[in-house]
Structure formats: structure tokens, C-alpha cells
Amino acid sequence: MVTELALFRLETGSGPAFEAAFSSVASLLMDADGYVRHRLVPTLDDADLYLLQVEWRDLAAHTVGFEPSDAHARFIAALEPMLAGAPIVVHVPTDQRS
């Protein structure tokens, strides 16, 4: 499995609107082939910075399957009005042992 980590910088004070918009389109993410689970949380350091953590079956499920899809376009379009810039997205191994 692979974990996608996305940092969303929001326009000041738009956290409640962002959370509502995310809730309205979360099913687009959850219905994607290869989706396992996710969590969306505001950071403790900055109320206008959110972390989305999504576990995928593999990297291709996200980058080849979901990202170029119409579902992803609709997902991001719902969130964009609250964003102060492009999200920062990285992928890390889910089962990395130290």
C-alpha cells in the first residue's frame, strides 16, 4: 500500500467551508478503485492548514486511476474556492518499518 499526504493551505478562516465542501465530495474519493481509507484533519499549528491522508492499494491507483479522472476533477473543483494555493502532495510507503 501507499499513503498519499496532501497539505492544503486555505484562505484565512475558510476551514468550516472547506470541511463542508470536502464532506460533499468525499464519496468521489471513497468510490475510487484502489482507495482504502482516508482522514482529513486541521493541523494543530495552523487552523488554515489541513492534512489529507489517503491510503491507496498502490501508487498507480492514485496517480494513474484517480488523478486523471473526472471524479478527481470534480473533487478538486469543490475544494478550490477555499484554497490559497496548490496542494502539496507526496506519496510514502504505508508499511514502512523503522
PDB file of N, CA and C in Angstrom:
ATOM      1  N   MET A   1       0.825  -1.190   0.000  1.00  0.00           N
ATOM      2  CA  MET A   1       0.000   0.000   0.000  1.00  0.00           C
ATOM      3  C   MET A   1       0.870   1.255   0.000  1.00  0.00           C
ATOM      4  N   VAL A   2       0.243   2.346  -0.421  1.00  0.00           N
ATOM      5  CA  VAL A   2       0.898   3.649  -0.495  1.00  0.00           C
ATOM      6  C   VAL A   2       0.013   4.669   0.211  1.00  0.00           C
ATOM      7  N   THR A   3       0.648   5.587   0.930  1.00  0.00           N
ATOM      8  CA  THR A   3      -0.090   6.662   1.580  1.00  0.00           C
ATOM      9  C   THR A   3       0.198   7.973   0.868  1.00  0.00           C
ATOM     10  N   GLU A   4      -0.864   8.626   0.457  1.00  0.00           N
ATOM     11  CA  GLU A   4      -0.785   9.967  -0.116  1.00  0.00           C
ATOM     12  C   GLU A   4      -0.940  10.954   1.036  1.00  0.00           C
ATOM     13  N   LEU A   5      -0.059  11.932   1.115  1.00  0.00           N
ATOM     14  CA  LEU A   5      -0.154  13.016   2.092  1.00  0.00           C
ATOM     15  C   LEU A   5      -0.311  14.310   1.311  1.00  0.00           C
ATOM     16  N   ALA A   6      -1.411  15.013   1.552  1.00  0.00           N
ATOM     17  CA  ALA A   6      -1.667  16.272   0.850  1.00  0.00           C
ATOM     18  C   ALA A   6      -1.877  17.382   1.869  1.00  0.00           C
ATOM     19  N   LEU A   7      -1.121  18.446   1.725  1.00  0.00           N
ATOM     20  CA  LEU A   7      -1.271  19.627   2.576  1.00  0.00           C
ATOM     21  C   LEU A   7      -2.044  20.689   1.804  1.00  0.00           C
ATOM     22  N   PHE A   8      -3.127  21.156   2.408  1.00  0.00           N
ATOM     23  CA  PHE A   8      -3.978  22.174   1.812  1.00  0.00           C
ATOM     24  C   PHE A   8      -3.858  23.465   2.613  1.00  0.00           C
ATOM     25  N   ARG A   9      -3.336  24.522   2.000  1.00  0.00           N
ATOM     26  CA  ARG A   9      -3.284  25.856   2.603  1.00  0.00           C
ATOM     27  C   ARG A   9      -4.580  26.557   2.217  1.00  0.00           C
ATOM     28  N   LEU A  10      -5.361  26.941   3.221  1.00  0.00           N
ATOM     29  CA  LEU A  10      -6.663  27.539   2.981  1.00  0.00           C
ATOM     30  C   LEU A  10      -6.622  29.057   3.082  1.00  0.00           C
ATOM     31  N   GLU A  11      -7.584  29.693   2.436  1.00  0.00           N
ATOM     32  CA  GLU A  11      -7.805  31.116   2.641  1.00  0.00           C
ATOM     33  C   GLU A  11      -8.156  31.288   4.119  1.00  0.00           C
ATOM     34  N   THR A  12      -7.711  32.360   4.718  1.00  0.00           N
ATOM     35  CA  THR A  12      -7.912  32.593   6.149  1.00  0.00           C
ATOM     36  C   THR A  12      -9.376  32.430   6.557  1.00  0.00           C
ATOM     37  N   GLY A  13      -9.577  31.586   7.566  1.00  0.00           N
ATOM     38  CA  GLY A  13     -10.902  31.398   8.142  1.00  0.00           C
ATOM     39  C   GLY A  13     -11.857  30.520   7.360  1.00  0.00           C
ATOM     40  N   SER A  14     -11.387  29.865   6.317  1.00  0.00           N
ATOM     41  CA  SER A  14     -12.304  29.083   5.484  1.00  0.00           C
ATOM     42  C   SER A  14     -12.371  27.606   5.871  1.00  0.00           C
ATOM     43  N   GLY A  15     -11.829  27.247   7.040  1.00  0.00           N
ATOM     44  CA  GLY A  15     -11.846  25.851   7.473  1.00  0.00           C
ATOM     45  C   GLY A  15     -13.230  25.213   7.486  1.00  0.00           C
ATOM     46  N   PRO A  16     -14.233  25.845   8.100  1.00  0.00           N
ATOM     47  CA  PRO A  16     -15.569  25.231   8.116  1.00  0.00           C
ATOM     48  C   PRO A  16     -16.137  25.018   6.704  1.00  0.00           C
ATOM     49  N   ALA A  17     -15.961  25.973   5.817  1.00  0.00           N
ATOM     50  CA  ALA A  17     -16.446  25.827   4.438  1.00  0.00           C
ATOM     51  C   ALA A  17     -15.686  24.715   3.719  1.00  0.00           C
ATOM     52  N   PHE A  18     -14.377  24.616   3.962  1.00  0.00           N
ATOM     53  CA  PHE A  18     -13.560  23.568   3.358  1.00  0.00           C
ATOM     54  C   PHE A  18     -14.028  22.194   3.830  1.00  0.00           C
ATOM     55  N   GLU A  19     -14.262  22.057   5.125  1.00  0.00           N
ATOM     56  CA  GLU A  19     -14.718  20.774   5.662  1.00  0.00           C
ATOM     57  C   GLU A  19     -16.082  20.395   5.091  1.00  0.00           C
ATOM     58  N   ALA A  20     -16.972  21.365   4.946  1.00  0.00           N
ATOM     59  CA  ALA A  20     -18.289  21.092   4.371  1.00  0.00           C
ATOM     60  C   ALA A  20     -18.163  20.675   2.909  1.00  0.00           C
ATOM     61  N   ALA A  21     -17.312  21.376   2.157  1.00  0.00           N
ATOM     62  CA  ALA A  21     -17.105  21.032   0.748  1.00  0.00           C
ATOM     63  C   ALA A  21     -16.488  19.643   0.623  1.00  0.00           C
ATOM     64  N   PHE A  22     -15.512  19.349   1.484  1.00  0.00           N
ATOM     65  CA  PHE A  22     -14.888  18.030   1.450  1.00  0.00           C
ATOM     66  C   PHE A  22     -15.931  16.944   1.711  1.00  0.00           C
ATOM     67  N   SER A  23     -16.773  17.150   2.710  1.00  0.00           N
ATOM     68  CA  SER A  23     -17.814  16.165   3.031  1.00  0.00           C
ATOM     69  C   SER A  23     -18.739  15.927   1.847  1.00  0.00           C
ATOM     70  N   SER A  24     -19.004  16.973   1.092  1.00  0.00           N
ATOM     71  CA  SER A  24     -19.928  16.843  -0.029  1.00  0.00           C
ATOM     72  C   SER A  24     -19.344  16.064  -1.203  1.00  0.00           C
ATOM     73  N   VAL A  25     -18.021  15.968  -1.281  1.00  0.00           N
ATOM     74  CA  VAL A  25     -17.387  15.249  -2.402  1.00  0.00           C
ATOM     75  C   VAL A  25     -16.538  14.062  -1.955  1.00  0.00           C
ATOM     76  N   ALA A  26     -16.522  13.754  -0.679  1.00  0.00           N
ATOM     77  CA  ALA A  26     -15.699  12.646  -0.178  1.00  0.00           C
ATOM     78  C   ALA A  26     -16.042  11.324  -0.857  1.00  0.00           C
ATOM     79  N   SER A  27     -17.298  11.140  -1.231  1.00  0.00           N
ATOM     80  CA  SER A  27     -17.683   9.881  -1.880  1.00  0.00           C
ATOM     81  C   SER A  27     -16.964   9.688  -3.213  1.00  0.00           C
ATOM     82  N   LEU A  28     -16.598  10.777  -3.891  1.00  0.00           N
ATOM     83  CA  LEU A  28     -15.837  10.660  -5.140  1.00  0.00           C
ATOM     84  C   LEU A  28     -14.489  10.016  -4.879  1.00  0.00           C
ATOM     85  N   LEU A  29     -13.875  10.363  -3.775  1.00  0.00           N
ATOM     86  CA  LEU A  29     -12.607   9.765  -3.362  1.00  0.00           C
ATOM     87  C   LEU A  29     -12.819   8.320  -2.927  1.00  0.00           C
ATOM     88  N   MET A  30     -13.808   8.116  -2.066  1.00  0.00           N
ATOM     89  CA  MET A  30     -14.023   6.788  -1.481  1.00  0.00           C
ATOM     90  C   MET A  30     -14.465   5.750  -2.510  1.00  0.00           C
ATOM     91  N   ASP A  31     -15.076   6.194  -3.609  1.00  0.00           N
ATOM     92  CA  ASP A  31     -15.514   5.266  -4.653  1.00  0.00           C
ATOM     93  C   ASP A  31     -14.417   4.933  -5.652  1.00  0.00           C
ATOM     94  N   ALA A  32     -13.253   5.571  -5.544  1.00  0.00           N
ATOM     95  CA  ALA A  32     -12.160   5.337  -6.492  1.00  0.00           C
ATOM     96  C   ALA A  32     -11.594   3.926  -6.335  1.00  0.00           C
ATOM     97  N   ASP A  33     -11.301   3.306  -7.460  1.00  0.00           N
ATOM     98  CA  ASP A  33     -10.680   1.981  -7.442  1.00  0.00           C
ATOM     99  C   ASP A  33      -9.317   2.086  -6.760  1.00  0.00           C
ATOM    100  N   GLY A  34      -9.074   1.251  -5.776  1.00  0.00           N
ATOM    101  CA  GLY A  34      -7.802   1.248  -5.069  1.00  0.00           C
ATOM    102  C   GLY A  34      -7.790   2.071  -3.794  1.00  0.00           C
ATOM    103  N   TYR A  35      -8.867   2.827  -3.546  1.00  0.00           N
ATOM    104  CA  TYR A  35      -8.982   3.595  -2.304  1.00  0.00           C
ATOM    105  C   TYR A  35      -9.122   2.617  -1.133  1.00  0.00           C
ATOM    106  N   VAL A  36      -8.421   2.912  -0.022  1.00  0.00           N
ATOM    107  CA  VAL A  36      -8.518   2.076   1.180  1.00  0.00           C
ATOM    108  C   VAL A  36      -9.201   2.855   2.307  1.00  0.00           C
ATOM    109  N   ARG A  37      -8.659   4.003   2.680  1.00  0.00           N
ATOM    110  CA  ARG A  37      -9.239   4.839   3.738  1.00  0.00           C
ATOM    111  C   ARG A  37      -8.575   6.206   3.703  1.00  0.00           C
ATOM    112  N   HIS A  38      -9.181   7.147   4.422  1.00  0.00           N
ATOM    113  CA  HIS A  38      -8.604   8.497   4.479  1.00  0.00           C
ATOM    114  C   HIS A  38      -8.932   9.144   5.816  1.00  0.00           C
ATOM    115  N   ARG A  39      -8.242  10.238   6.067  1.00  0.00           N
ATOM    116  CA  ARG A  39      -8.595  11.136   7.161  1.00  0.00           C
ATOM    117  C   ARG A  39      -8.198  12.540   6.743  1.00  0.00           C
ATOM    118  N   LEU A  40      -9.016  13.489   7.151  1.00  0.00           N
ATOM    119  CA  LEU A  40      -8.765  14.903   6.893  1.00  0.00           C
ATOM    120  C   LEU A  40      -8.755  15.596   8.238  1.00  0.00           C
ATOM    121  N   VAL A  41      -7.665  16.310   8.536  1.00  0.00           N
ATOM    122  CA  VAL A  41      -7.551  16.975   9.834  1.00  0.00           C
ATOM    123  C   VAL A  41      -6.888  18.339   9.676  1.00  0.00           C
ATOM    124  N   PRO A  42      -7.346  19.320  10.484  1.00  0.00           N
ATOM    125  CA  PRO A  42      -6.612  20.582  10.527  1.00  0.00           C
ATOM    126  C   PRO A  42      -5.337  20.347  11.341  1.00  0.00           C
ATOM    127  N   THR A  43      -4.280  21.055  11.004  1.00  0.00           N
ATOM    128  CA  THR A  43      -3.060  20.905  11.791  1.00  0.00           C
ATOM    129  C   THR A  43      -3.227  21.645  13.115  1.00  0.00           C
ATOM    130  N   LEU A  44      -2.525  21.208  14.117  1.00  0.00           N
ATOM    131  CA  LEU A  44      -2.575  21.853  15.432  1.00  0.00           C
ATOM    132  C   LEU A  44      -1.845  23.188  15.433  1.00  0.00           C
ATOM    133  N   ASP A  45      -0.923  23.345  14.493  1.00  0.00           N
ATOM    134  CA  ASP A  45      -0.089  24.545  14.436  1.00  0.00           C
ATOM    135  C   ASP A  45      -0.723  25.709  13.699  1.00  0.00           C
ATOM    136  N   ASP A  46      -1.679  25.397  12.810  1.00  0.00           N
ATOM    137  CA  ASP A  46      -2.203  26.430  11.912  1.00  0.00           C
ATOM    138  C   ASP A  46      -3.608  26.019  11.487  1.00  0.00           C
ATOM    139  N   ALA A  47      -4.615  26.766  11.914  1.00  0.00           N
ATOM    140  CA  ALA A  47      -6.015  26.424  11.620  1.00  0.00           C
ATOM    141  C   ALA A  47      -6.337  26.491  10.129  1.00  0.00           C
ATOM    142  N   ASP A  48      -5.487  27.145   9.345  1.00  0.00           N
ATOM    143  CA  ASP A  48      -5.725  27.262   7.911  1.00  0.00           C
ATOM    144  C   ASP A  48      -4.875  26.296   7.089  1.00  0.00           C
ATOM    145  N   LEU A  49      -4.319  25.274   7.753  1.00  0.00           N
ATOM    146  CA  LEU A  49      -3.530  24.255   7.069  1.00  0.00           C
ATOM    147  C   LEU A  49      -4.112  22.890   7.422  1.00  0.00           C
ATOM    148  N   TYR A  50      -4.554  22.170   6.404  1.00  0.00           N
ATOM    149  CA  TYR A  50      -5.169  20.856   6.596  1.00  0.00           C
ATOM    150  C   TYR A  50      -4.306  19.770   5.978  1.00  0.00           C
ATOM    151  N   LEU A  51      -4.347  18.591   6.605  1.00  0.00           N
ATOM    152  CA  LEU A  51      -3.663  17.415   6.082  1.00  0.00           C
ATOM    153  C   LEU A  51      -4.710  16.402   5.660  1.00  0.00           C
ATOM    154  N   LEU A  52      -4.601  15.935   4.421  1.00  0.00           N
ATOM    155  CA  LEU A  52      -5.402  14.816   3.933  1.00  0.00           C
ATOM    156  C   LEU A  52      -4.472  13.641   3.778  1.00  0.00           C
ATOM    157  N   GLN A  53      -4.795  12.560   4.448  1.00  0.00           N
ATOM    158  CA  GLN A  53      -4.016  11.327   4.371  1.00  0.00           C
ATOM    159  C   GLN A  53      -4.912  10.267   3.747  1.00  0.00           C
ATOM    160  N   VAL A  54      -4.468   9.722   2.600  1.00  0.00           N
ATOM    161  CA  VAL A  54      -5.256   8.715   1.894  1.00  0.00           C
ATOM    162  C   VAL A  54      -4.391   7.486   1.679  1.00  0.00           C
ATOM    163  N   GLU A  55      -4.908   6.342   2.053  1.00  0.00           N
ATOM    164  CA  GLU A  55      -4.217   5.089   1.765  1.00  0.00           C
ATOM    165  C   GLU A  55      -4.799   4.502   0.486  1.00  0.00           C
ATOM    166  N   TRP A  56      -3.886   4.130  -0.396  1.00  0.00           N
ATOM    167  CA  TRP A  56      -4.237   3.551  -1.688  1.00  0.00           C
ATOM    168  C   TRP A  56      -3.649   2.147  -1.792  1.00  0.00           C
ATOM    169  N   ARG A  57      -4.274   1.322  -2.606  1.00  0.00           N
ATOM    170  CA  ARG A  57      -3.779  -0.041  -2.860  1.00  0.00           C
ATOM    171  C   ARG A  57      -2.335   0.011  -3.366  1.00  0.00           C
ATOM    172  N   ASP A  58      -2.075   0.937  -4.284  1.00  0.00           N
ATOM    173  CA  ASP A  58      -0.732   1.128  -4.832  1.00  0.00           C
ATOM    174  C   ASP A  58      -0.662   2.537  -5.424  1.00  0.00           C
ATOM    175  N   LEU A  59       0.513   2.946  -5.820  1.00  0.00           N
ATOM    176  CA  LEU A  59       0.708   4.300  -6.344  1.00  0.00           C
ATOM    177  C   LEU A  59      -0.135   4.543  -7.588  1.00  0.00           C
ATOM    178  N   ALA A  60      -0.208   3.563  -8.467  1.00  0.00           N
ATOM    179  CA  ALA A  60      -0.963   3.720  -9.706  1.00  0.00           C
ATOM    180  C   ALA A  60      -2.451   3.957  -9.456  1.00  0.00           C
ATOM    181  N   ALA A  61      -3.001   3.390  -8.402  1.00  0.00           N
ATOM    182  CA  ALA A  61      -4.416   3.608  -8.102  1.00  0.00           C
ATOM    183  C   ALA A  61      -4.695   5.093  -7.941  1.00  0.00           C
ATOM    184  N   HIS A  62      -3.747   5.819  -7.365  1.00  0.00           N
ATOM    185  CA  HIS A  62      -3.920   7.259  -7.204  1.00  0.00           C
ATOM    186  C   HIS A  62      -3.501   8.030  -8.445  1.00  0.00           C
ATOM    187  N   THR A  63      -2.267   7.822  -8.894  1.00  0.00           N
ATOM    188  CA  THR A  63      -1.700   8.666  -9.939  1.00  0.00           C
ATOM    189  C   THR A  63      -2.202   8.343 -11.346  1.00  0.00           C
ATOM    190  N   VAL A  64      -2.519   7.088 -11.614  1.00  0.00           N
ATOM    191  CA  VAL A  64      -2.989   6.688 -12.941  1.00  0.00           C
ATOM    192  C   VAL A  64      -4.509   6.546 -12.969  1.00  0.00           C
ATOM    193  N   GLY A  65      -5.077   6.073 -11.854  1.00  0.00           N
ATOM    194  CA  GLY A  65      -6.513   5.851 -11.802  1.00  0.00           C
ATOM    195  C   GLY A  65      -7.310   7.076 -11.405  1.00  0.00           C
ATOM    196  N   PHE A  66      -7.046   7.623 -10.214  1.00  0.00           N
ATOM    197  CA  PHE A  66      -7.890   8.698  -9.688  1.00  0.00           C
ATOM    198  C   PHE A  66      -7.515  10.082 -10.198  1.00  0.00           C
ATOM    199  N   GLU A  67      -6.243  10.445 -10.162  1.00  0.00           N
ATOM    200  CA  GLU A  67      -5.852  11.821 -10.511  1.00  0.00           C
ATOM    201  C   GLU A  67      -6.325  12.281 -11.890  1.00  0.00           C
ATOM    202  N   PRO A  68      -6.193  11.476 -12.936  1.00  0.00           N
ATOM    203  CA  PRO A  68      -6.645  11.975 -14.249  1.00  0.00           C
ATOM    204  C   PRO A  68      -8.157  11.819 -14.497  1.00  0.00           C
ATOM    205  N   SER A  69      -8.900  11.365 -13.508  1.00  0.00           N
ATOM    206  CA  SER A  69     -10.323  11.059 -13.704  1.00  0.00           C
ATOM    207  C   SER A  69     -11.221  12.288 -13.562  1.00  0.00           C
ATOM    208  N   ASP A  70     -12.413  12.161 -14.107  1.00  0.00           N
ATOM    209  CA  ASP A  70     -13.436  13.186 -13.947  1.00  0.00           C
ATOM    210  C   ASP A  70     -13.816  13.333 -12.475  1.00  0.00           C
ATOM    211  N   ALA A  71     -13.837  12.211 -11.749  1.00  0.00           N
ATOM    212  CA  ALA A  71     -14.167  12.259 -10.317  1.00  0.00           C
ATOM    213  C   ALA A  71     -13.165  13.133  -9.565  1.00  0.00           C
ATOM    214  N   HIS A  72     -11.880  13.016  -9.891  1.00  0.00           N
ATOM    215  CA  HIS A  72     -10.862  13.849  -9.240  1.00  0.00           C
ATOM    216  C   HIS A  72     -11.061  15.318  -9.605  1.00  0.00           C
ATOM    217  N   ALA A  73     -11.368  15.589 -10.863  1.00  0.00           N
ATOM    218  CA  ALA A  73     -11.591  16.978 -11.292  1.00  0.00           C
ATOM    219  C   ALA A  73     -12.751  17.597 -10.505  1.00  0.00           C
ATOM    220  N   ARG A  74     -13.829  16.843 -10.317  1.00  0.00           N
ATOM    221  CA  ARG A  74     -14.979  17.349  -9.557  1.00  0.00           C
ATOM    222  C   ARG A  74     -14.633  17.489  -8.078  1.00  0.00           C
ATOM    223  N   PHE A  75     -13.835  16.565  -7.555  1.00  0.00           N
ATOM    224  CA  PHE A  75     -13.391  16.592  -6.163  1.00  0.00           C
ATOM    225  C   PHE A  75     -12.599  17.872  -5.889  1.00  0.00           C
ATOM    226  N   ILE A  76     -11.600  18.132  -6.719  1.00  0.00           N
ATOM    227  CA  ILE A  76     -10.743  19.313  -6.533  1.00  0.00           C
ATOM    228  C   ILE A  76     -11.516  20.606  -6.797  1.00  0.00           C
ATOM    229  N   ALA A  77     -12.386  20.603  -7.785  1.00  0.00           N
ATOM    230  CA  ALA A  77     -13.158  21.809  -8.113  1.00  0.00           C
ATOM    231  C   ALA A  77     -13.988  22.281  -6.916  1.00  0.00           C
ATOM    232  N   ALA A  78     -14.498  21.339  -6.128  1.00  0.00           N
ATOM    233  CA  ALA A  78     -15.302  21.707  -4.961  1.00  0.00           C
ATOM    234  C   ALA A  78     -14.452  22.344  -3.865  1.00  0.00           C
ATOM    235  N   LEU A  79     -13.166  21.985  -3.807  1.00  0.00           N
ATOM    236  CA  LEU A  79     -12.273  22.479  -2.757  1.00  0.00           C
ATOM    237  C   LEU A  79     -11.543  23.768  -3.147  1.00  0.00           C
ATOM    238  N   GLU A  80     -11.335  23.964  -4.432  1.00  0.00           N
ATOM    239  CA  GLU A  80     -10.508  25.077  -4.912  1.00  0.00           C
ATOM    240  C   GLU A  80     -10.918  26.457  -4.410  1.00  0.00           C
ATOM    241  N   PRO A  81     -12.210  26.776  -4.263  1.00  0.00           N
ATOM    242  CA  PRO A  81     -12.556  28.126  -3.811  1.00  0.00           C
ATOM    243  C   PRO A  81     -11.986  28.480  -2.431  1.00  0.00           C
ATOM    244  N   MET A  82     -11.675  27.489  -1.607  1.00  0.00           N
ATOM    245  CA  MET A  82     -11.135  27.756  -0.272  1.00  0.00           C
ATOM    246  C   MET A  82      -9.605  27.686  -0.223  1.00  0.00           C
ATOM    247  N   LEU A  83      -8.965  27.259  -1.306  1.00  0.00           N
ATOM    248  CA  LEU A  83      -7.516  27.068  -1.296  1.00  0.00           C
ATOM    249  C   LEU A  83      -6.768  28.358  -1.560  1.00  0.00           C
ATOM    250  N   ALA A  84      -5.670  28.555  -0.837  1.00  0.00           N
ATOM    251  CA  ALA A  84      -4.805  29.720  -1.023  1.00  0.00           C
ATOM    252  C   ALA A  84      -3.660  29.422  -1.985  1.00  0.00           C
ATOM    253  N   GLY A  85      -3.596  28.209  -2.490  1.00  0.00           N
ATOM    254  CA  GLY A  85      -2.552  27.783  -3.416  1.00  0.00           C
ATOM    255  C   GLY A  85      -2.731  26.317  -3.741  1.00  0.00           C
ATOM    256  N   ALA A  86      -1.851  25.818  -4.577  1.00  0.00           N
ATOM    257  CA  ALA A  86      -1.923  24.410  -4.963  1.00  0.00           C
ATOM    258  C   ALA A  86      -1.548  23.526  -3.774  1.00  0.00           C
ATOM    259  N   PRO A  87      -2.241  22.384  -3.607  1.00  0.00           N
ATOM    260  CA  PRO A  87      -1.871  21.460  -2.532  1.00  0.00           C
ATOM    261  C   PRO A  87      -0.462  20.906  -2.764  1.00  0.00           C
ATOM    262  N   ILE A  88       0.204  20.571  -1.688  1.00  0.00           N
ATOM    263  CA  ILE A  88       1.483  19.861  -1.755  1.00  0.00           C
ATOM    264  C   ILE A  88       1.165  18.392  -1.522  1.00  0.00           C
ATOM    265  N   VAL A  89       1.517  17.546  -2.484  1.00  0.00           N
ATOM    266  CA  VAL A  89       1.169  16.126  -2.417  1.00  0.00           C
ATOM    267  C   VAL A  89       2.429  15.286  -2.532  1.00  0.00           C
ATOM    268  N   VAL A  90       2.581  14.339  -1.607  1.00  0.00           N
ATOM    269  CA  VAL A  90       3.675  13.373  -1.668  1.00  0.00           C
ATOM    270  C   VAL A  90       3.093  11.996  -1.377  1.00  0.00           C
ATOM    271  N   HIS A  91       3.839  10.975  -1.770  1.00  0.00           N
ATOM    272  CA  HIS A  91       3.444   9.595  -1.513  1.00  0.00           C
ATOM    273  C   HIS A  91       4.558   8.922  -0.723  1.00  0.00           C
ATOM    274  N   VAL A  92       4.157   8.145   0.290  1.00  0.00           N
ATOM    275  CA  VAL A  92       5.114   7.420   1.108  1.00  0.00           C
ATOM    276  C   VAL A  92       4.634   5.977   1.265  1.00  0.00           C
ATOM    277  N   PRO A  93       5.567   5.060   1.517  1.00  0.00           N
ATOM    278  CA  PRO A  93       5.146   3.685   1.759  1.00  0.00           C
ATOM    279  C   PRO A  93       4.285   3.624   3.024  1.00  0.00           C
ATOM    280  N   THR A  94       3.213   2.872   2.982  1.00  0.00           N
ATOM    281  CA  THR A  94       2.319   2.771   4.138  1.00  0.00           C
ATOM    282  C   THR A  94       2.912   1.902   5.231  1.00  0.00           C
ATOM    283  N   ASP A  95       3.534   0.817   4.849  1.00  0.00           N
ATOM    284  CA  ASP A  95       4.008  -0.152   5.827  1.00  0.00           C
ATOM    285  C   ASP A  95       5.502  -0.058   6.074  1.00  0.00           C
ATOM    286  N   GLN A  96       6.035   1.136   6.081  1.00  0.00           N
ATOM    287  CA  GLN A  96       7.468   1.343   6.325  1.00  0.00           C
ATOM    288  C   GLN A  96       7.799   1.025   7.783  1.00  0.00           C
ATOM    289  N   ARG A  97       8.740   0.177   8.022  1.00  0.00           N
ATOM    290  CA  ARG A  97       9.169  -0.168   9.384  1.00  0.00           C
ATOM    291  C   ARG A  97      10.487   0.516   9.679  1.00  0.00           C
ATOM    292  N   SER A  98      10.636   1.021  10.902  1.00  0.00           N
ATOM    293  CA  SER A  98      11.908   1.671  11.263  1.00  0.00           C
ATOM    294  C   SER A  98      12.897   0.658  11.785  1.00  0.00           C
TER     295      SER A  98
END
